């Protein structure tokens, strides 16, 4: 998602989105929790939502447009996570 090539970032967004739709309740580790003793996890649907939200600020217009379209397709995001993210 942070590659210099916009085509790679767009493909990565598509993959993240598809994985979150296929397995929304799958737990993935939080990146911030790597230094913690007890690893924290997050649902992949919520993690994907946060990553796609970040892509809305991408330098590439094509990546931003794709991110906006993908956000519209995301339906399995937990309500609490959705509220927290949109509140920011």
Protein backbone atom coordinates (compact mmCIF):
# COMPACT_ATOMS: atom_id res chain seq x y z
CA UNK A 1 0.00 0.00 0.00
CA UNK A 2 2.98 2.31 0.29
CA UNK A 3 4.83 1.33 -2.88
CA UNK A 4 6.06 4.14 -5.13
CA UNK A 5 4.16 2.72 -8.13
CA UNK A 6 0.50 3.71 -8.11
CA UNK A 7 -0.48 0.52 -9.95
CA UNK A 8 0.98 -1.54 -7.12
CA UNK A 9 -0.88 0.54 -4.53
CA UNK A 10 -4.13 0.11 -6.46
CA UNK A 11 -3.64 -3.65 -6.72
CA UNK A 12 -2.85 -3.84 -3.01
CA UNK A 13 -6.04 -1.92 -2.21
CA UNK A 14 -8.05 -4.36 -4.31
CA UNK A 15 -6.47 -7.35 -2.55
CA UNK A 16 -7.07 -5.91 0.92
CA UNK A 17 -10.66 -5.14 0.01
CA UNK A 18 -11.33 -8.62 -1.40
CA UNK A 19 -9.78 -10.33 1.62
CA UNK A 20 -11.87 -8.27 4.00
CA UNK A 21 -15.06 -9.15 2.11
CA UNK A 22 -14.20 -12.85 1.96
CA UNK A 23 -13.17 -13.20 5.62
CA UNK A 24 -14.45 -10.13 7.53
CA UNK A 25 -14.07 -11.66 11.00
CA UNK A 26 -10.51 -12.95 10.53
CA UNK A 27 -8.26 -11.45 13.22
CA UNK A 28 -5.00 -9.74 12.20
CA UNK A 29 -2.36 -8.23 14.52
CA UNK A 30 -2.37 -4.50 15.13
CA UNK A 31 0.82 -2.90 13.86
CA UNK A 32 0.99 -0.73 16.99
CA UNK A 33 0.92 -3.81 19.24
CA UNK A 34 4.21 -5.34 18.07
CA UNK A 35 6.05 -3.87 21.02
CA UNK A 36 3.42 -4.91 23.56
CA UNK A 37 3.75 -8.07 25.61
CA UNK A 38 0.26 -9.25 24.71
CA UNK A 39 -0.46 -8.96 21.01
CA UNK A 40 -3.66 -7.13 20.15
CA UNK A 41 -5.72 -8.02 17.12
CA UNK A 42 -8.33 -6.37 14.94
CA UNK A 43 -10.90 -7.76 12.52
CA UNK A 44 -9.61 -7.70 8.95
CA UNK A 45 -12.75 -5.83 7.84
CA UNK A 46 -11.93 -3.01 10.27
CA UNK A 47 -8.22 -3.01 9.40
CA UNK A 48 -9.00 -2.90 5.68
CA UNK A 49 -11.40 0.00 6.24
CA UNK A 50 -8.68 1.98 8.01
CA UNK A 51 -6.15 1.24 5.26
CA UNK A 52 -8.56 2.22 2.49
CA UNK A 53 -9.43 5.41 4.41
CA UNK A 54 -5.72 6.28 4.45
CA UNK A 55 -5.55 5.74 0.68
CA UNK A 56 -8.13 8.50 0.20
CA UNK A 57 -5.23 10.88 0.93
CA UNK A 58 -2.91 9.32 -1.68
CA UNK A 59 -1.03 11.60 -4.10
CA UNK A 60 -2.47 9.77 -7.10
CA UNK A 61 -5.95 10.74 -8.27
CA UNK A 62 -6.51 7.18 -9.53
CA UNK A 63 -5.64 5.68 -6.13
CA UNK A 64 -7.89 8.17 -4.34
CA UNK A 65 -10.78 7.39 -6.69
CA UNK A 66 -10.33 3.65 -6.20
CA UNK A 67 -10.18 4.08 -2.42
CA UNK A 68 -13.42 6.07 -2.45
CA UNK A 69 -15.13 3.41 -4.57
CA UNK A 70 -13.88 0.62 -2.29
CA UNK A 71 -15.14 2.47 0.79
CA UNK A 72 -18.60 2.43 -0.74
CA UNK A 73 -18.42 -1.35 -1.11
CA UNK A 74 -17.40 -2.05 2.51
CA UNK A 75 -20.33 -3.31 4.54
CA UNK A 76 -18.80 -5.51 7.25
CA UNK A 77 -17.03 -2.75 9.21
CA UNK A 78 -18.00 -2.80 12.87
CA UNK A 79 -20.14 0.14 13.91
CA UNK A 80 -17.86 1.14 16.79
CA UNK A 81 -14.78 1.15 14.54
CA UNK A 82 -16.64 3.06 11.84
CA UNK A 83 -17.68 5.75 14.31
CA UNK A 84 -14.16 6.04 15.78
CA UNK A 85 -12.55 6.33 12.35
CA UNK A 86 -15.01 8.85 10.95
CA UNK A 87 -14.82 10.90 14.15
CA UNK A 88 -11.13 11.52 13.48
